[in-house]
PDB file of N, CA and C in Angstrom:
ATOM      1  N   UNK A   1      12.914   1.555  -7.496  1.00  0.00           N
ATOM      2  CA  UNK A   1      11.590   1.066  -7.574  1.00  0.00           C
ATOM      3  C   UNK A   1      11.710  -0.494  -7.784  1.00  0.00           C
ATOM      4  N   UNK A   2      10.713  -1.191  -7.383  1.00  0.00           N
ATOM      5  CA  UNK A   2      10.691  -2.630  -7.512  1.00  0.00           C
ATOM      6  C   UNK A   2      11.064  -3.389  -6.243  1.00  0.00           C
ATOM      7  N   UNK A   3      12.023  -4.294  -6.411  1.00  0.00           N
ATOM      8  CA  UNK A   3      12.418  -5.152  -5.231  1.00  0.00           C
ATOM      9  C   UNK A   3      13.404  -4.531  -4.297  1.00  0.00           C
ATOM     10  N   UNK A   4      13.903  -3.381  -4.594  1.00  0.00           N
ATOM     11  CA  UNK A   4      14.822  -2.664  -3.665  1.00  0.00           C
ATOM     12  C   UNK A   4      13.951  -2.028  -2.562  1.00  0.00           C
ATOM     13  N   UNK A   5      14.202  -2.504  -1.381  1.00  0.00           N
ATOM     14  CA  UNK A   5      13.409  -1.974  -0.214  1.00  0.00           C
ATOM     15  C   UNK A   5      14.309  -1.080   0.660  1.00  0.00           C
ATOM     16  N   UNK A   6      13.659  -0.146   1.305  1.00  0.00           N
ATOM     17  CA  UNK A   6      14.390   0.688   2.296  1.00  0.00           C
ATOM     18  C   UNK A   6      14.575  -0.146   3.520  1.00  0.00           C
ATOM     19  N   UNK A   7      15.345   0.361   4.462  1.00  0.00           N
ATOM     20  CA  UNK A   7      15.620  -0.339   5.672  1.00  0.00           C
ATOM     21  C   UNK A   7      14.392  -0.639   6.526  1.00  0.00           C
ATOM     22  N   UNK A   8      13.315   0.154   6.302  1.00  0.00           N
ATOM     23  CA  UNK A   8      12.034  -0.101   7.045  1.00  0.00           C
ATOM     24  C   UNK A   8      11.127  -1.024   6.297  1.00  0.00           C
ATOM     25  N   UNK A   9      11.555  -1.525   5.138  1.00  0.00           N
ATOM     26  CA  UNK A   9      10.753  -2.484   4.361  1.00  0.00           C
ATOM     27  C   UNK A   9       9.931  -1.831   3.253  1.00  0.00           C
ATOM     28  N   UNK A  10       9.874  -0.517   3.185  1.00  0.00           N
ATOM     29  CA  UNK A  10       9.057   0.077   2.156  1.00  0.00           C
ATOM     30  C   UNK A  10       9.694  -0.028   0.771  1.00  0.00           C
ATOM     31  N   UNK A  11       8.874  -0.469  -0.175  1.00  0.00           N
ATOM     32  CA  UNK A  11       9.319  -0.526  -1.605  1.00  0.00           C
ATOM     33  C   UNK A  11       8.253   0.119  -2.437  1.00  0.00           C
ATOM     34  N   UNK A  12       8.703   0.941  -3.383  1.00  0.00           N
ATOM     35  CA  UNK A  12       7.772   1.574  -4.316  1.00  0.00           C
ATOM     36  C   UNK A  12       7.650   0.607  -5.540  1.00  0.00           C
ATOM     37  N   UNK A  13       6.474   0.204  -5.798  1.00  0.00           N
ATOM     38  CA  UNK A  13       6.200  -0.673  -6.958  1.00  0.00           C
ATOM     39  C   UNK A  13       5.663   0.119  -8.146  1.00  0.00           C
ATOM     40  N   UNK A  14       5.750  -0.438  -9.321  1.00  0.00           N
ATOM     41  CA  UNK A  14       5.241   0.188 -10.524  1.00  0.00           C
ATOM     42  C   UNK A  14       3.736   0.578 -10.346  1.00  0.00           C
ATOM     43  N   UNK A  15       2.995  -0.318  -9.761  1.00  0.00           N
ATOM     44  CA  UNK A  15       1.605  -0.063  -9.599  1.00  0.00           C
ATOM     45  C   UNK A  15       1.298   1.010  -8.570  1.00  0.00           C
ATOM     46  N   UNK A  16       2.285   1.485  -7.848  1.00  0.00           N
ATOM     47  CA  UNK A  16       2.109   2.639  -6.923  1.00  0.00           C
ATOM     48  C   UNK A  16       2.161   3.989  -7.665  1.00  0.00           C
ATOM     49  N   UNK A  17       2.361   3.928  -8.986  1.00  0.00           N
ATOM     50  CA  UNK A  17       2.415   5.140  -9.790  1.00  0.00           C
ATOM     51  C   UNK A  17       1.321   5.141 -10.841  1.00  0.00           C
ATOM     52  N   UNK A  18       0.821   6.302 -11.184  1.00  0.00           N
ATOM     53  CA  UNK A  18      -0.186   6.440 -12.257  1.00  0.00           C
ATOM     54  C   UNK A  18       0.480   6.165 -13.577  1.00  0.00           C
ATOM     55  N   UNK A  19      -0.308   6.210 -14.632  1.00  0.00           N
ATOM     56  CA  UNK A  19       0.236   5.945 -15.957  1.00  0.00           C
ATOM     57  C   UNK A  19       1.325   6.916 -16.363  1.00  0.00           C
ATOM     58  N   UNK A  20       1.321   8.134 -15.846  1.00  0.00           N
ATOM     59  CA  UNK A  20       2.335   9.112 -16.228  1.00  0.00           C
ATOM     60  C   UNK A  20       3.667   8.808 -15.572  1.00  0.00           C
ATOM     61  N   UNK A  21       3.745   7.900 -14.606  1.00  0.00           N
ATOM     62  CA  UNK A  21       4.991   7.527 -13.917  1.00  0.00           C
ATOM     63  C   UNK A  21       5.492   8.522 -12.915  1.00  0.00           C
ATOM     64  N   UNK A  22       4.743   9.542 -12.680  1.00  0.00           N
ATOM     65  CA  UNK A  22       5.100  10.591 -11.750  1.00  0.00           C
ATOM     66  C   UNK A  22       4.150  10.683 -10.524  1.00  0.00           C
ATOM     67  N   UNK A  23       2.880  10.686 -10.791  1.00  0.00           N
ATOM     68  CA  UNK A  23       1.907  10.881  -9.712  1.00  0.00           C
ATOM     69  C   UNK A  23       1.533   9.503  -9.097  1.00  0.00           C
ATOM     70  N   UNK A  24       1.236   9.533  -7.877  1.00  0.00           N
ATOM     71  CA  UNK A  24       0.868   8.212  -7.238  1.00  0.00           C
ATOM     72  C   UNK A  24      -0.505   7.718  -7.692  1.00  0.00           C
ATOM     73  N   UNK A  25      -0.625   6.363  -7.737  1.00  0.00           N
ATOM     74  CA  UNK A  25      -1.880   5.745  -7.984  1.00  0.00           C
ATOM     75  C   UNK A  25      -2.610   5.654  -6.639  1.00  0.00           C
ATOM     76  N   UNK A  26      -3.744   4.973  -6.565  1.00  0.00           N
ATOM     77  CA  UNK A  26      -4.472   4.780  -5.330  1.00  0.00           C
ATOM     78  C   UNK A  26      -3.588   4.093  -4.315  1.00  0.00           C
ATOM     79  N   UNK A  27      -2.939   3.044  -4.718  1.00  0.00           N
ATOM     80  CA  UNK A  27      -2.021   2.298  -3.745  1.00  0.00           C
ATOM     81  C   UNK A  27      -0.904   3.233  -3.342  1.00  0.00           C
ATOM     82  N   UNK A  28      -0.349   4.065  -4.256  1.00  0.00           N
ATOM     83  CA  UNK A  28       0.736   4.986  -3.912  1.00  0.00           C
ATOM     84  C   UNK A  28       0.243   6.021  -2.946  1.00  0.00           C
ATOM     85  N   UNK A  29      -0.986   6.507  -3.149  1.00  0.00           N
ATOM     86  CA  UNK A  29      -1.558   7.547  -2.228  1.00  0.00           C
ATOM     87  C   UNK A  29      -1.751   6.970  -0.845  1.00  0.00           C
ATOM     88  N   UNK A  30      -2.136   5.718  -0.804  1.00  0.00           N
ATOM     89  CA  UNK A  30      -2.294   5.040   0.507  1.00  0.00           C
ATOM     90  C   UNK A  30      -0.957   4.887   1.225  1.00  0.00           C
ATOM     91  N   UNK A  31       0.096   4.585   0.480  1.00  0.00           N
ATOM     92  CA  UNK A  31       1.441   4.486   1.104  1.00  0.00           C
ATOM     93  C   UNK A  31       1.889   5.855   1.610  1.00  0.00           C
ATOM     94  N   UNK A  32       1.705   6.885   0.814  1.00  0.00           N
ATOM     95  CA  UNK A  32       2.078   8.213   1.225  1.00  0.00           C
ATOM     96  C   UNK A  32       1.298   8.641   2.469  1.00  0.00           C
ATOM     97  N   UNK A  33       0.022   8.398   2.473  1.00  0.00           N
ATOM     98  CA  UNK A  33      -0.792   8.764   3.650  1.00  0.00           C
ATOM     99  C   UNK A  33      -0.365   8.038   4.920  1.00  0.00           C
ATOM    100  N   UNK A  34      -0.083   6.752   4.767  1.00  0.00           N
ATOM    101  CA  UNK A  34       0.383   5.932   5.914  1.00  0.00           C
ATOM    102  C   UNK A  34       1.710   6.444   6.406  1.00  0.00           C
ATOM    103  N   UNK A  35       2.632   6.786   5.499  1.00  0.00           N
ATOM    104  CA  UNK A  35       3.941   7.312   5.933  1.00  0.00           C
ATOM    105  C   UNK A  35       3.790   8.668   6.661  1.00  0.00           C
ATOM    106  N   UNK A  36       2.934   9.518   6.155  1.00  0.00           N
ATOM    107  CA  UNK A  36       2.711  10.811   6.713  1.00  0.00           C
ATOM    108  C   UNK A  36       2.089  10.671   8.155  1.00  0.00           C
ATOM    109  N   UNK A  37       1.121   9.840   8.290  1.00  0.00           N
ATOM    110  CA  UNK A  37       0.496   9.661   9.602  1.00  0.00           C
ATOM    111  C   UNK A  37       1.497   9.045  10.578  1.00  0.00           C
ATOM    112  N   UNK A  38       2.301   8.059  10.155  1.00  0.00           N
ATOM    113  CA  UNK A  38       3.302   7.479  11.035  1.00  0.00           C
ATOM    114  C   UNK A  38       4.338   8.580  11.501  1.00  0.00           C
ATOM    115  N   UNK A  39       4.711   9.422  10.540  1.00  0.00           N
ATOM    116  CA  UNK A  39       5.624  10.447  10.872  1.00  0.00           C
ATOM    117  C   UNK A  39       5.043  11.462  11.901  1.00  0.00           C
ATOM    118  N   UNK A  40       3.819  11.923  11.632  1.00  0.00           N
ATOM    119  CA  UNK A  40       3.174  12.889  12.494  1.00  0.00           C
ATOM    120  C   UNK A  40       2.956  12.319  13.936  1.00  0.00           C
ATOM    121  N   UNK A  41       2.766  11.025  14.005  1.00  0.00           N
ATOM    122  CA  UNK A  41       2.583  10.387  15.366  1.00  0.00           C
ATOM    123  C   UNK A  41       3.890  10.245  16.106  1.00  0.00           C
ATOM    124  N   UNK A  42       4.998  10.095  15.391  1.00  0.00           N
ATOM    125  CA  UNK A  42       6.286   9.840  16.013  1.00  0.00           C
ATOM    126  C   UNK A  42       7.155  11.062  16.225  1.00  0.00           C
ATOM    127  N   UNK A  43       7.029  12.033  15.404  1.00  0.00           N
ATOM    128  CA  UNK A  43       7.882  13.274  15.463  1.00  0.00           C
ATOM    129  C   UNK A  43       7.625  14.019  16.742  1.00  0.00           C
ATOM    130  N   UNK A  44       8.608  14.381  17.459  1.00  0.00           N
ATOM    131  CA  UNK A  44       8.391  15.090  18.764  1.00  0.00           C
ATOM    132  C   UNK A  44       7.680  16.446  18.626  1.00  0.00           C
ATOM    133  N   UNK A  45       7.833  17.100  17.512  1.00  0.00           N
ATOM    134  CA  UNK A  45       7.253  18.383  17.308  1.00  0.00           C
ATOM    135  C   UNK A  45       5.730  18.224  16.962  1.00  0.00           C
ATOM    136  N   UNK A  46       5.405  17.264  16.108  1.00  0.00           N
ATOM    137  CA  UNK A  46       4.032  17.158  15.654  1.00  0.00           C
ATOM    138  C   UNK A  46       3.200  16.248  16.579  1.00  0.00           C
ATOM    139  N   UNK A  47       3.774  15.373  17.260  1.00  0.00           N
ATOM    140  CA  UNK A  47       3.022  14.422  18.102  1.00  0.00           C
ATOM    141  C   UNK A  47       2.045  15.075  19.041  1.00  0.00           C
ATOM    142  N   UNK A  48       2.402  16.103  19.809  1.00  0.00           N
ATOM    143  CA  UNK A  48       1.508  16.727  20.755  1.00  0.00           C
ATOM    144  C   UNK A  48       0.154  17.218  20.102  1.00  0.00           C
ATOM    145  N   UNK A  49       0.321  17.976  19.008  1.00  0.00           N
ATOM    146  CA  UNK A  49      -0.885  18.515  18.395  1.00  0.00           C
ATOM    147  C   UNK A  49      -1.623  17.508  17.474  1.00  0.00           C
ATOM    148  N   UNK A  50      -0.865  16.539  16.887  1.00  0.00           N
ATOM    149  CA  UNK A  50      -1.514  15.575  16.032  1.00  0.00           C
ATOM    150  C   UNK A  50      -2.308  14.553  16.746  1.00  0.00           C
ATOM    151  N   UNK A  51      -1.811  14.178  17.914  1.00  0.00           N
ATOM    152  CA  UNK A  51      -2.480  13.047  18.635  1.00  0.00           C
ATOM    153  C   UNK A  51      -3.407  13.571  19.745  1.00  0.00           C
ATOM    154  N   UNK A  52      -3.561  14.893  19.923  1.00  0.00           N
ATOM    155  CA  UNK A  52      -4.431  15.394  20.969  1.00  0.00           C
ATOM    156  C   UNK A  52      -5.879  15.022  20.706  1.00  0.00           C
ATOM    157  N   UNK A  53      -6.613  14.785  21.733  1.00  0.00           N
ATOM    158  CA  UNK A  53      -8.056  14.518  21.660  1.00  0.00           C
ATOM    159  C   UNK A  53      -8.835  15.802  21.577  1.00  0.00           C
ATOM    160  N   UNK A  54      -9.709  15.899  20.655  1.00  0.00           N
ATOM    161  CA  UNK A  54     -10.469  17.139  20.486  1.00  0.00           C
ATOM    162  C   UNK A  54     -11.907  16.861  20.968  1.00  0.00           C
ATOM    163  N   UNK A  55     -12.012  16.469  22.246  1.00  0.00           N
ATOM    164  CA  UNK A  55     -13.251  16.133  22.841  1.00  0.00           C
ATOM    165  C   UNK A  55     -14.153  17.417  22.976  1.00  0.00           C
ATOM    166  N   UNK A  56     -15.325  17.360  22.492  1.00  0.00           N
ATOM    167  CA  UNK A  56     -16.216  18.484  22.671  1.00  0.00           C
ATOM    168  C   UNK A  56     -15.990  19.634  21.733  1.00  0.00           C
ATOM    169  N   UNK A  57     -15.038  19.488  20.826  1.00  0.00           N
ATOM    170  CA  UNK A  57     -14.744  20.542  19.864  1.00  0.00           C
ATOM    171  C   UNK A  57     -15.239  20.125  18.438  1.00  0.00           C
ATOM    172  N   UNK A  58     -15.845  21.005  17.785  1.00  0.00           N
ATOM    173  CA  UNK A  58     -16.195  20.782  16.392  1.00  0.00           C
ATOM    174  C   UNK A  58     -15.002  21.187  15.552  1.00  0.00           C
ATOM    175  N   UNK A  59     -14.181  20.244  15.162  1.00  0.00           N
ATOM    176  CA  UNK A  59     -13.027  20.565  14.383  1.00  0.00           C
ATOM    177  C   UNK A  59     -12.868  19.530  13.314  1.00  0.00           C
ATOM    178  N   UNK A  60     -12.590  19.995  12.099  1.00  0.00           N
ATOM    179  CA  UNK A  60     -12.151  19.188  11.021  1.00  0.00           C
ATOM    180  C   UNK A  60     -11.485  20.140  10.064  1.00  0.00           C
ATOM    181  N   UNK A  61     -10.458  19.664   9.349  1.00  0.00           N
ATOM    182  CA  UNK A  61      -9.784  20.513   8.347  1.00  0.00           C
ATOM    183  C   UNK A  61     -10.763  21.021   7.317  1.00  0.00           C
ATOM    184  N   UNK A  62     -11.769  20.134   6.947  1.00  0.00           N
ATOM    185  CA  UNK A  62     -12.679  20.590   5.926  1.00  0.00           C
ATOM    186  C   UNK A  62     -13.584  21.680   6.422  1.00  0.00           C
ATOM    187  N   UNK A  63     -14.037  21.625   7.667  1.00  0.00           N
ATOM    188  CA  UNK A  63     -14.859  22.653   8.241  1.00  0.00           C
ATOM    189  C   UNK A  63     -14.082  23.963   8.297  1.00  0.00           C
ATOM    190  N   UNK A  64     -12.847  23.915   8.713  1.00  0.00           N
ATOM    191  CA  UNK A  64     -12.049  25.101   8.791  1.00  0.00           C
ATOM    192  C   UNK A  64     -11.852  25.708   7.420  1.00  0.00           C
ATOM    193  N   UNK A  65     -11.612  24.897   6.425  1.00  0.00           N
ATOM    194  CA  UNK A  65     -11.442  25.364   5.034  1.00  0.00           C
ATOM    195  C   UNK A  65     -12.763  25.989   4.584  1.00  0.00           C
ATOM    196  N   UNK A  66     -13.849  25.375   4.838  1.00  0.00           N
ATOM    197  CA  UNK A  66     -15.143  25.895   4.363  1.00  0.00           C
ATOM    198  C   UNK A  66     -15.414  27.274   4.979  1.00  0.00           C
ATOM    199  N   UNK A  67     -15.043  27.438   6.261  1.00  0.00           N
ATOM    200  CA  UNK A  67     -15.262  28.757   6.881  1.00  0.00           C
ATOM    201  C   UNK A  67     -14.407  29.833   6.280  1.00  0.00           C
ATOM    202  N   UNK A  68     -13.186  29.429   5.780  1.00  0.00           N
ATOM    203  CA  UNK A  68     -12.267  30.389   5.215  1.00  0.00           C
ATOM    204  C   UNK A  68     -12.464  30.622   3.735  1.00  0.00           C
ATOM    205  N   UNK A  69     -13.309  29.873   3.124  1.00  0.00           N
ATOM    206  CA  UNK A  69     -13.435  29.970   1.679  1.00  0.00           C
ATOM    207  C   UNK A  69     -14.883  30.352   1.281  1.00  0.00           C
ATOM    208  N   UNK A  70     -15.153  31.181   0.402  1.00  0.00           N
ATOM    209  CA  UNK A  70     -14.172  31.915  -0.386  1.00  0.00           C
ATOM    210  C   UNK A  70     -13.591  33.067   0.423  1.00  0.00           C
ATOM    211  N   UNK A  71     -12.430  33.494   0.053  1.00  0.00           N
ATOM    212  CA  UNK A  71     -11.787  34.653   0.807  1.00  0.00           C
ATOM    213  C   UNK A  71     -12.641  35.912   0.672  1.00  0.00           C
ATOM    214  N   UNK A  72     -12.607  36.696   1.698  1.00  0.00           N
ATOM    215  CA  UNK A  72     -13.375  37.947   1.686  1.00  0.00           C
ATOM    216  C   UNK A  72     -12.757  38.921   0.730  1.00  0.00           C
ATOM    217  N   UNK A  73     -13.656  39.611  -0.006  1.00  0.00           N
ATOM    218  CA  UNK A  73     -13.178  40.614  -0.944  1.00  0.00           C
ATOM    219  C   UNK A  73     -13.117  41.981  -0.193  1.00  0.00           C
ATOM    220  N   UNK A  74     -12.038  42.699  -0.400  1.00  0.00           N
ATOM    221  CA  UNK A  74     -11.868  43.999   0.239  1.00  0.00           C
ATOM    222  C   UNK A  74     -12.333  45.068  -0.644  1.00  0.00           C
TER     223      UNK A  74
END
């Protein structure tokens, strides 16, 4: 943590963590989100489905979750 950077320039700063020192703060969540999106765009397995255009389709993870929740009782 601090001034030690990875080879790609990423450094985790104290302010990237919440007061508990474990969970990310808002700036930490933004770093994690950016890293995840960059990975999903570059990885050969995820790139096709992550970058596809969903023209004419009503799709969002939230909508899919809302349709599946609450689970059906048997």
